[in-house]
C-alpha atoms as a PDB file:
ATOM      1  CA  MET A   1      -4.737 -34.879   3.453  1.00  0.00           C
ATOM      2  CA  GLY A   2      -3.799 -37.132   6.315  1.00  0.00           C
ATOM      3  CA  LYS A   3      -1.735 -37.216   9.458  1.00  0.00           C
ATOM      4  CA  GLU A   4       1.429 -36.255   7.541  1.00  0.00           C
ATOM      5  CA  ASP A   5      -0.207 -32.873   6.795  1.00  0.00           C
ATOM      6  CA  MET A   6      -1.319 -32.273  10.397  1.00  0.00           C
ATOM      7  CA  LEU A   7       0.427 -30.083  12.946  1.00  0.00           C
ATOM      8  CA  LEU A   8      -0.826 -29.413  16.464  1.00  0.00           C
ATOM      9  CA  TYR A   9       0.541 -26.617  18.628  1.00  0.00           C
ATOM     10  CA  TRP A  10      -0.219 -27.473  22.233  1.00  0.00           C
ATOM     11  CA  GLY A  11       0.684 -26.630  25.816  1.00  0.00           C
ATOM     12  CA  SER A  12       1.281 -29.013  28.694  1.00  0.00           C
ATOM     13  CA  GLY A  13      -1.454 -29.068  31.330  1.00  0.00           C
ATOM     14  CA  SER A  14      -4.075 -27.527  29.055  1.00  0.00           C
ATOM     15  CA  PRO A  15      -7.398 -29.446  29.110  1.00  0.00           C
ATOM     16  CA  PRO A  16      -8.419 -28.087  25.670  1.00  0.00           C
ATOM     17  CA  CYS A  17      -5.111 -29.272  24.192  1.00  0.00           C
ATOM     18  CA  LEU A  18      -5.501 -32.686  25.798  1.00  0.00           C
ATOM     19  CA  ARG A  19      -9.022 -32.945  24.399  1.00  0.00           C
ATOM     20  CA  VAL A  20      -7.734 -32.404  20.852  1.00  0.00           C
ATOM     21  CA  MET A  21      -4.890 -34.871  21.355  1.00  0.00           C
ATOM     22  CA  ILE A  22      -7.369 -37.523  22.504  1.00  0.00           C
ATOM     23  CA  ALA A  23      -9.613 -36.809  19.499  1.00  0.00           C
ATOM     24  CA  LEU A  24      -6.664 -37.129  17.101  1.00  0.00           C
ATOM     25  CA  GLU A  25      -5.752 -40.503  18.625  1.00  0.00           C
ATOM     26  CA  GLU A  26      -9.378 -41.677  18.529  1.00  0.00           C
ATOM     27  CA  LYS A  27      -9.604 -40.728  14.862  1.00  0.00           C
ATOM     28  CA  GLY A  28      -6.521 -42.866  14.206  1.00  0.00           C
ATOM     29  CA  PHE A  29      -4.065 -40.047  13.539  1.00  0.00           C
ATOM     30  CA  SER A  30      -1.308 -41.046  15.953  1.00  0.00           C
ATOM     31  CA  GLY A  31       2.019 -39.870  14.601  1.00  0.00           C
ATOM     32  CA  TYR A  32       0.759 -36.412  13.584  1.00  0.00           C
ATOM     33  CA  SER A  33       3.295 -33.584  13.899  1.00  0.00           C
ATOM     34  CA  GLU A  34       3.141 -31.594  17.091  1.00  0.00           C
ATOM     35  CA  LYS A  35       4.861 -28.667  18.705  1.00  0.00           C
ATOM     36  CA  LEU A  36       4.860 -28.291  22.470  1.00  0.00           C
ATOM     37  CA  CYS A  37       4.753 -24.627  23.461  1.00  0.00           C
ATOM     38  CA  ASP A  38       5.992 -23.644  26.913  1.00  0.00           C
ATOM     39  CA  PHE A  39       3.456 -21.305  28.510  1.00  0.00           C
ATOM     40  CA  SER A  40       6.003 -20.041  31.051  1.00  0.00           C
ATOM     41  CA  LYS A  41       8.230 -18.880  28.178  1.00  0.00           C
ATOM     42  CA  LYS A  42       5.199 -17.378  26.380  1.00  0.00           C
ATOM     43  CA  GLU A  43       5.869 -19.562  23.331  1.00  0.00           C
ATOM     44  CA  HIS A  44       2.121 -19.509  22.606  1.00  0.00           C
ATOM     45  CA  LYS A  45       2.616 -15.788  21.858  1.00  0.00           C
ATOM     46  CA  SER A  46       5.490 -16.415  19.419  1.00  0.00           C
ATOM     47  CA  GLU A  47       5.356 -15.045  15.883  1.00  0.00           C
ATOM     48  CA  GLU A  48       4.973 -18.607  14.613  1.00  0.00           C
ATOM     49  CA  VAL A  49       1.806 -19.222  16.645  1.00  0.00           C
ATOM     50  CA  LEU A  50       0.419 -15.697  16.195  1.00  0.00           C
ATOM     51  CA  ALA A  51       0.653 -16.141  12.420  1.00  0.00           C
ATOM     52  CA  LEU A  52      -1.852 -19.009  12.778  1.00  0.00           C
ATOM     53  CA  ASN A  53      -3.854 -17.781  15.754  1.00  0.00           C
ATOM     54  CA  PRO A  54      -3.781 -14.000  16.303  1.00  0.00           C
ATOM     55  CA  ARG A  55      -5.080 -14.469  19.882  1.00  0.00           C
ATOM     56  CA  GLY A  56      -2.036 -16.576  20.720  1.00  0.00           C
ATOM     57  CA  GLN A  57      -4.077 -19.328  22.348  1.00  0.00           C
ATOM     58  CA  LEU A  58      -3.622 -23.075  22.235  1.00  0.00           C
ATOM     59  CA  PRO A  59      -4.499 -25.485  20.793  1.00  0.00           C
ATOM     60  CA  THR A  60      -3.866 -24.370  17.253  1.00  0.00           C
ATOM     61  CA  PHE A  61      -4.277 -27.013  14.568  1.00  0.00           C
ATOM     62  CA  LYS A  62      -3.130 -27.076  10.963  1.00  0.00           C
ATOM     63  CA  ASP A  63      -4.301 -29.669   8.423  1.00  0.00           C
ATOM     64  CA  GLY A  64      -2.645 -28.868   5.123  1.00  0.00           C
ATOM     65  CA  ASP A  65      -3.735 -25.313   4.373  1.00  0.00           C
ATOM     66  CA  VAL A  66      -6.649 -25.427   6.850  1.00  0.00           C
ATOM     67  CA  ILE A  67      -6.064 -23.738  10.198  1.00  0.00           C
ATOM     68  CA  VAL A  68      -8.510 -24.328  13.049  1.00  0.00           C
ATOM     69  CA  ASN A  69      -8.323 -22.839  16.540  1.00  0.00           C
ATOM     70  CA  GLU A  70     -10.432 -23.664  19.607  1.00  0.00           C
ATOM     71  CA  SER A  71     -10.607 -27.269  20.777  1.00  0.00           C
ATOM     72  CA  GLY A  72     -14.312 -27.711  20.072  1.00  0.00           C
ATOM     73  CA  ALA A  73     -13.932 -26.429  16.531  1.00  0.00           C
ATOM     74  CA  ILE A  74     -10.913 -28.683  15.951  1.00  0.00           C
ATOM     75  CA  ILE A  75     -12.788 -31.765  17.159  1.00  0.00           C
ATOM     76  CA  HIS A  76     -15.831 -30.892  15.064  1.00  0.00           C
ATOM     77  CA  TYR A  77     -13.558 -30.311  12.051  1.00  0.00           C
ATOM     78  CA  LEU A  78     -11.840 -33.686  12.514  1.00  0.00           C
ATOM     79  CA  GLN A  79     -15.167 -35.515  12.617  1.00  0.00           C
ATOM     80  CA  SER A  80     -16.588 -33.622   9.631  1.00  0.00           C
ATOM     81  CA  ARG A  81     -13.424 -33.848   7.518  1.00  0.00           C
ATOM     82  CA  TYR A  82     -12.605 -37.474   8.373  1.00  0.00           C
ATOM     83  CA  PRO A  83     -15.955 -39.155   9.167  1.00  0.00           C
ATOM     84  CA  ASP A  84     -14.745 -42.636   8.211  1.00  0.00           C
ATOM     85  CA  SER A  85     -11.452 -42.546  10.132  1.00  0.00           C
ATOM     86  CA  GLY A  86     -11.187 -44.142  13.568  1.00  0.00           C
ATOM     87  CA  THR A  87     -13.784 -43.530  16.233  1.00  0.00           C
ATOM     88  CA  ASN A  88     -16.954 -41.642  15.349  1.00  0.00           C
ATOM     89  CA  LEU A  89     -16.769 -38.619  17.668  1.00  0.00           C
ATOM     90  CA  LEU A  90     -20.418 -37.623  17.190  1.00  0.00           C
ATOM     91  CA  PRO A  91     -23.407 -39.933  16.780  1.00  0.00           C
ATOM     92  CA  GLY A  92     -25.357 -39.786  13.530  1.00  0.00           C
ATOM     93  CA  ASP A  93     -28.630 -39.423  15.421  1.00  0.00           C
ATOM     94  CA  PHE A  94     -29.222 -35.668  15.533  1.00  0.00           C
ATOM     95  CA  LYS A  95     -31.109 -35.789  18.845  1.00  0.00           C
ATOM     96  CA  ARG A  96     -28.152 -37.486  20.568  1.00  0.00           C
ATOM     97  CA  GLN A  97     -25.713 -35.253  18.699  1.00  0.00           C
ATOM     98  CA  GLY A  98     -27.531 -32.160  19.951  1.00  0.00           C
ATOM     99  CA  SER A  99     -27.388 -33.435  23.519  1.00  0.00           C
ATOM    100  CA  ILE A 100     -23.643 -34.145  23.274  1.00  0.00           C
ATOM    101  CA  LEU A 101     -22.900 -30.777  21.666  1.00  0.00           C
ATOM    102  CA  GLN A 102     -24.929 -29.000  24.339  1.00  0.00           C
ATOM    103  CA  ARG A 103     -22.848 -30.578  27.095  1.00  0.00           C
ATOM    104  CA  PHE A 104     -19.662 -29.924  25.166  1.00  0.00           C
ATOM    105  CA  TYR A 105     -20.391 -26.206  24.872  1.00  0.00           C
ATOM    106  CA  GLU A 106     -21.615 -25.996  28.477  1.00  0.00           C
ATOM    107  CA  VAL A 107     -18.170 -27.205  29.563  1.00  0.00           C
ATOM    108  CA  GLU A 108     -16.590 -24.593  27.279  1.00  0.00           C
ATOM    109  CA  ALA A 109     -18.734 -21.767  28.622  1.00  0.00           C
ATOM    110  CA  ALA A 110     -18.998 -22.648  32.304  1.00  0.00           C
ATOM    111  CA  LEU A 111     -16.219 -24.965  33.416  1.00  0.00           C
ATOM    112  CA  PHE A 112     -13.122 -23.928  31.475  1.00  0.00           C
ATOM    113  CA  PRO A 113     -13.205 -20.264  32.559  1.00  0.00           C
ATOM    114  CA  LYS A 114     -13.337 -21.367  36.204  1.00  0.00           C
ATOM    115  CA  LEU A 115     -10.479 -23.845  35.673  1.00  0.00           C
ATOM    116  CA  ARG A 116      -8.455 -21.132  33.952  1.00  0.00           C
ATOM    117  CA  ASP A 117      -8.994 -18.765  36.877  1.00  0.00           C
ATOM    118  CA  CYS A 118      -7.916 -21.455  39.353  1.00  0.00           C
ATOM    119  CA  PHE A 119      -4.849 -22.263  37.269  1.00  0.00           C
ATOM    120  CA  LYS A 120      -3.862 -18.594  37.108  1.00  0.00           C
ATOM    121  CA  ALA A 121      -4.350 -18.195  40.859  1.00  0.00           C
ATOM    122  CA  VAL A 122      -2.054 -21.139  41.546  1.00  0.00           C
ATOM    123  CA  MET A 123       0.568 -20.116  38.980  1.00  0.00           C
ATOM    124  CA  LYS A 124       0.560 -16.371  39.748  1.00  0.00           C
ATOM    125  CA  PRO A 125      -0.771 -15.741  43.233  1.00  0.00           C
ATOM    126  CA  ASP A 126      -1.246 -12.145  44.319  1.00  0.00           C
ATOM    127  CA  SER A 127       1.663 -10.734  46.255  1.00  0.00           C
ATOM    128  CA  THR A 128      -0.654 -10.243  49.236  1.00  0.00           C
ATOM    129  CA  ASP A 129      -1.234 -13.997  49.349  1.00  0.00           C
ATOM    130  CA  GLU A 130       2.488 -14.598  49.734  1.00  0.00           C
ATOM    131  CA  GLU A 131       2.904 -12.496  52.877  1.00  0.00           C
END
């Protein structure tokens, strides 16, 4: 498998999608196939995406017959599957790796939900806010 077998479904403005795109570039996989999904048209809830990710969330990543959802899982998969390609995304030292993974998952658990709520508030303000 290689970049010709990769397909990334992503949405503009999504930090998790951007994170995966950066990881793919760092691993040396520029030129991978990609499909931009328009959130405002609910393309992330299309049958095509739902067949790969029943929650209809982006990013969704396909590498041959392997499907991985969630940006952290995709990045971890890329490093594990292609350890000798491009930039090493995780240090070999397990103490440092643990520290990096801790921060990575703290961002997932604490920061992204708050960013999502802010994004939703800006994109779909309550009708009372518009008066």
